[in-house]
């Protein structure tokens, strides 16, 4: 038997740097090299775009997602290269931010 993809997820303009699957909610969350993060259904439908805080956006301060994790409760935590953590709801609402100088892996 040959493996075939269940769905093709589209929407990013640059290479994917991080991704998480939340099977309980049927979601795939991915981040690309030049942002933003996208939420897709398991069927491949683009549901939401997760934009970082507006105060940090612009060409000189592009938020580049490095790590991403989703919870079954409907929260998504994204760690950006500049040391910023953001918590989003799966509805795309930014709920909290925190900056750190530590190296996170």
C-alpha atoms as a PDB file:
ATOM      1  CA  UNK A   1       0.000   0.000   0.000  1.00  0.00           C
ATOM      2  CA  UNK A   2       1.065   3.538  -0.733  1.00  0.00           C
ATOM      3  CA  UNK A   3       0.573   6.269   1.840  1.00  0.00           C
ATOM      4  CA  UNK A   4      -1.418   9.226   0.569  1.00  0.00           C
ATOM      5  CA  UNK A   5      -1.905  12.558   2.293  1.00  0.00           C
ATOM      6  CA  UNK A   6      -5.221  13.077   4.046  1.00  0.00           C
ATOM      7  CA  UNK A   7      -5.164  16.782   3.230  1.00  0.00           C
ATOM      8  CA  UNK A   8      -2.877  19.426   1.775  1.00  0.00           C
ATOM      9  CA  UNK A   9      -2.600  22.504   3.966  1.00  0.00           C
ATOM     10  CA  UNK A  10      -2.001  25.778   2.158  1.00  0.00           C
ATOM     11  CA  UNK A  11      -1.594  29.406   3.155  1.00  0.00           C
ATOM     12  CA  UNK A  12       2.046  29.952   4.076  1.00  0.00           C
ATOM     13  CA  UNK A  13       4.323  31.944   1.780  1.00  0.00           C
ATOM     14  CA  UNK A  14       7.564  30.703   3.404  1.00  0.00           C
ATOM     15  CA  UNK A  15       8.925  27.445   4.807  1.00  0.00           C
ATOM     16  CA  UNK A  16       7.246  25.900   7.855  1.00  0.00           C
ATOM     17  CA  UNK A  17       9.367  26.185  11.021  1.00  0.00           C
ATOM     18  CA  UNK A  18       7.003  24.626  13.569  1.00  0.00           C
ATOM     19  CA  UNK A  19       3.748  22.709  13.711  1.00  0.00           C
ATOM     20  CA  UNK A  20       1.429  21.064  16.227  1.00  0.00           C
ATOM     21  CA  UNK A  21      -1.513  18.739  15.880  1.00  0.00           C
ATOM     22  CA  UNK A  22      -4.381  18.763  18.347  1.00  0.00           C
ATOM     23  CA  UNK A  23      -6.301  15.577  17.534  1.00  0.00           C
ATOM     24  CA  UNK A  24      -8.884  16.245  20.278  1.00  0.00           C
ATOM     25  CA  UNK A  25      -9.999  19.442  18.541  1.00  0.00           C
ATOM     26  CA  UNK A  26      -9.208  18.309  14.991  1.00  0.00           C
ATOM     27  CA  UNK A  27      -6.743  21.146  14.396  1.00  0.00           C
ATOM     28  CA  UNK A  28      -3.314  21.599  12.832  1.00  0.00           C
ATOM     29  CA  UNK A  29      -1.402  24.757  13.817  1.00  0.00           C
ATOM     30  CA  UNK A  30       1.684  25.760  11.866  1.00  0.00           C
ATOM     31  CA  UNK A  31       4.146  28.637  11.793  1.00  0.00           C
ATOM     32  CA  UNK A  32       6.345  29.769   8.927  1.00  0.00           C
ATOM     33  CA  UNK A  33       9.738  31.453   8.713  1.00  0.00           C
ATOM     34  CA  UNK A  34       8.287  34.921   8.173  1.00  0.00           C
ATOM     35  CA  UNK A  35       5.058  34.353  10.139  1.00  0.00           C
ATOM     36  CA  UNK A  36       2.151  34.280  10.745  1.00  0.00           C
ATOM     37  CA  UNK A  37       0.833  31.080  12.335  1.00  0.00           C
ATOM     38  CA  UNK A  38      -2.180  29.403  10.753  1.00  0.00           C
ATOM     39  CA  UNK A  39      -4.872  27.120  12.134  1.00  0.00           C
ATOM     40  CA  UNK A  40      -6.254  24.477   9.761  1.00  0.00           C
ATOM     41  CA  UNK A  41      -8.847  21.769  10.240  1.00  0.00           C
ATOM     42  CA  UNK A  42      -7.680  18.185   9.770  1.00  0.00           C
ATOM     43  CA  UNK A  43      -9.510  18.288   6.428  1.00  0.00           C
ATOM     44  CA  UNK A  44      -7.261  21.112   5.205  1.00  0.00           C
ATOM     45  CA  UNK A  45      -9.598  24.101   5.636  1.00  0.00           C
ATOM     46  CA  UNK A  46      -7.860  27.312   6.727  1.00  0.00           C
ATOM     47  CA  UNK A  47      -9.713  28.488   9.845  1.00  0.00           C
ATOM     48  CA  UNK A  48      -7.682  31.294  11.448  1.00  0.00           C
ATOM     49  CA  UNK A  49      -4.531  33.366  11.249  1.00  0.00           C
ATOM     50  CA  UNK A  50      -2.685  34.041  14.515  1.00  0.00           C
ATOM     51  CA  UNK A  51      -0.982  37.424  14.439  1.00  0.00           C
ATOM     52  CA  UNK A  52       1.427  38.503  17.168  1.00  0.00           C
ATOM     53  CA  UNK A  53       0.993  41.711  19.166  1.00  0.00           C
ATOM     54  CA  UNK A  54       0.596  44.760  16.909  1.00  0.00           C
ATOM     55  CA  UNK A  55       3.126  46.772  18.918  1.00  0.00           C
ATOM     56  CA  UNK A  56       5.910  44.398  17.851  1.00  0.00           C
ATOM     57  CA  UNK A  57       4.981  44.009  14.201  1.00  0.00           C
ATOM     58  CA  UNK A  58       6.507  45.724  11.226  1.00  0.00           C
ATOM     59  CA  UNK A  59       9.226  44.966   8.708  1.00  0.00           C
ATOM     60  CA  UNK A  60      12.024  45.577  11.199  1.00  0.00           C
ATOM     61  CA  UNK A  61      10.566  43.342  13.913  1.00  0.00           C
ATOM     62  CA  UNK A  62       9.005  40.391  12.112  1.00  0.00           C
ATOM     63  CA  UNK A  63       7.779  37.766  14.554  1.00  0.00           C
ATOM     64  CA  UNK A  64       9.282  34.424  13.539  1.00  0.00           C
ATOM     65  CA  UNK A  65       7.644  31.454  15.276  1.00  0.00           C
ATOM     66  CA  UNK A  66      10.113  28.883  16.573  1.00  0.00           C
ATOM     67  CA  UNK A  67       8.020  26.540  18.767  1.00  0.00           C
ATOM     68  CA  UNK A  68       4.302  25.912  18.904  1.00  0.00           C
ATOM     69  CA  UNK A  69       2.043  23.780  21.094  1.00  0.00           C
ATOM     70  CA  UNK A  70      -1.719  23.344  21.279  1.00  0.00           C
ATOM     71  CA  UNK A  71      -3.814  22.066  24.169  1.00  0.00           C
ATOM     72  CA  UNK A  72      -7.063  20.129  24.158  1.00  0.00           C
ATOM     73  CA  UNK A  73      -8.610  23.003  26.119  1.00  0.00           C
ATOM     74  CA  UNK A  74      -8.289  25.256  23.085  1.00  0.00           C
ATOM     75  CA  UNK A  75      -5.116  27.226  23.833  1.00  0.00           C
ATOM     76  CA  UNK A  76      -2.106  27.663  21.599  1.00  0.00           C
ATOM     77  CA  UNK A  77       1.306  28.727  22.932  1.00  0.00           C
ATOM     78  CA  UNK A  78       3.785  30.139  20.444  1.00  0.00           C
ATOM     79  CA  UNK A  79       7.417  30.958  21.188  1.00  0.00           C
ATOM     80  CA  UNK A  80       9.015  33.429  18.768  1.00  0.00           C
ATOM     81  CA  UNK A  81      12.742  33.816  17.973  1.00  0.00           C
ATOM     82  CA  UNK A  82      12.869  37.222  19.693  1.00  0.00           C
ATOM     83  CA  UNK A  83      12.046  35.634  23.090  1.00  0.00           C
ATOM     84  CA  UNK A  84       8.336  36.365  23.092  1.00  0.00           C
ATOM     85  CA  UNK A  85       5.737  33.848  24.283  1.00  0.00           C
ATOM     86  CA  UNK A  86       2.126  34.357  23.170  1.00  0.00           C
ATOM     87  CA  UNK A  87      -0.972  32.454  24.220  1.00  0.00           C
ATOM     88  CA  UNK A  88      -3.891  32.437  21.776  1.00  0.00           C
ATOM     89  CA  UNK A  89      -7.334  30.917  21.899  1.00  0.00           C
ATOM     90  CA  UNK A  90      -8.213  28.662  18.970  1.00  0.00           C
ATOM     91  CA  UNK A  91     -10.572  31.467  17.928  1.00  0.00           C
ATOM     92  CA  UNK A  92      -7.485  33.571  17.166  1.00  0.00           C
ATOM     93  CA  UNK A  93      -7.677  35.915  20.153  1.00  0.00           C
ATOM     94  CA  UNK A  94      -4.382  36.902  21.785  1.00  0.00           C
ATOM     95  CA  UNK A  95      -4.787  36.160  25.506  1.00  0.00           C
ATOM     96  CA  UNK A  96      -1.359  36.777  27.037  1.00  0.00           C
ATOM     97  CA  UNK A  97       2.257  37.618  26.223  1.00  0.00           C
ATOM     98  CA  UNK A  98       5.539  37.274  28.089  1.00  0.00           C
ATOM     99  CA  UNK A  99       9.117  38.067  27.112  1.00  0.00           C
ATOM    100  CA  UNK A 100      12.180  36.104  28.194  1.00  0.00           C
ATOM    101  CA  UNK A 101      15.923  36.403  27.660  1.00  0.00           C
ATOM    102  CA  UNK A 102      16.416  32.647  28.145  1.00  0.00           C
ATOM    103  CA  UNK A 103      17.151  30.301  25.256  1.00  0.00           C
ATOM    104  CA  UNK A 104      14.176  27.979  24.809  1.00  0.00           C
ATOM    105  CA  UNK A 105      14.488  24.677  22.959  1.00  0.00           C
END
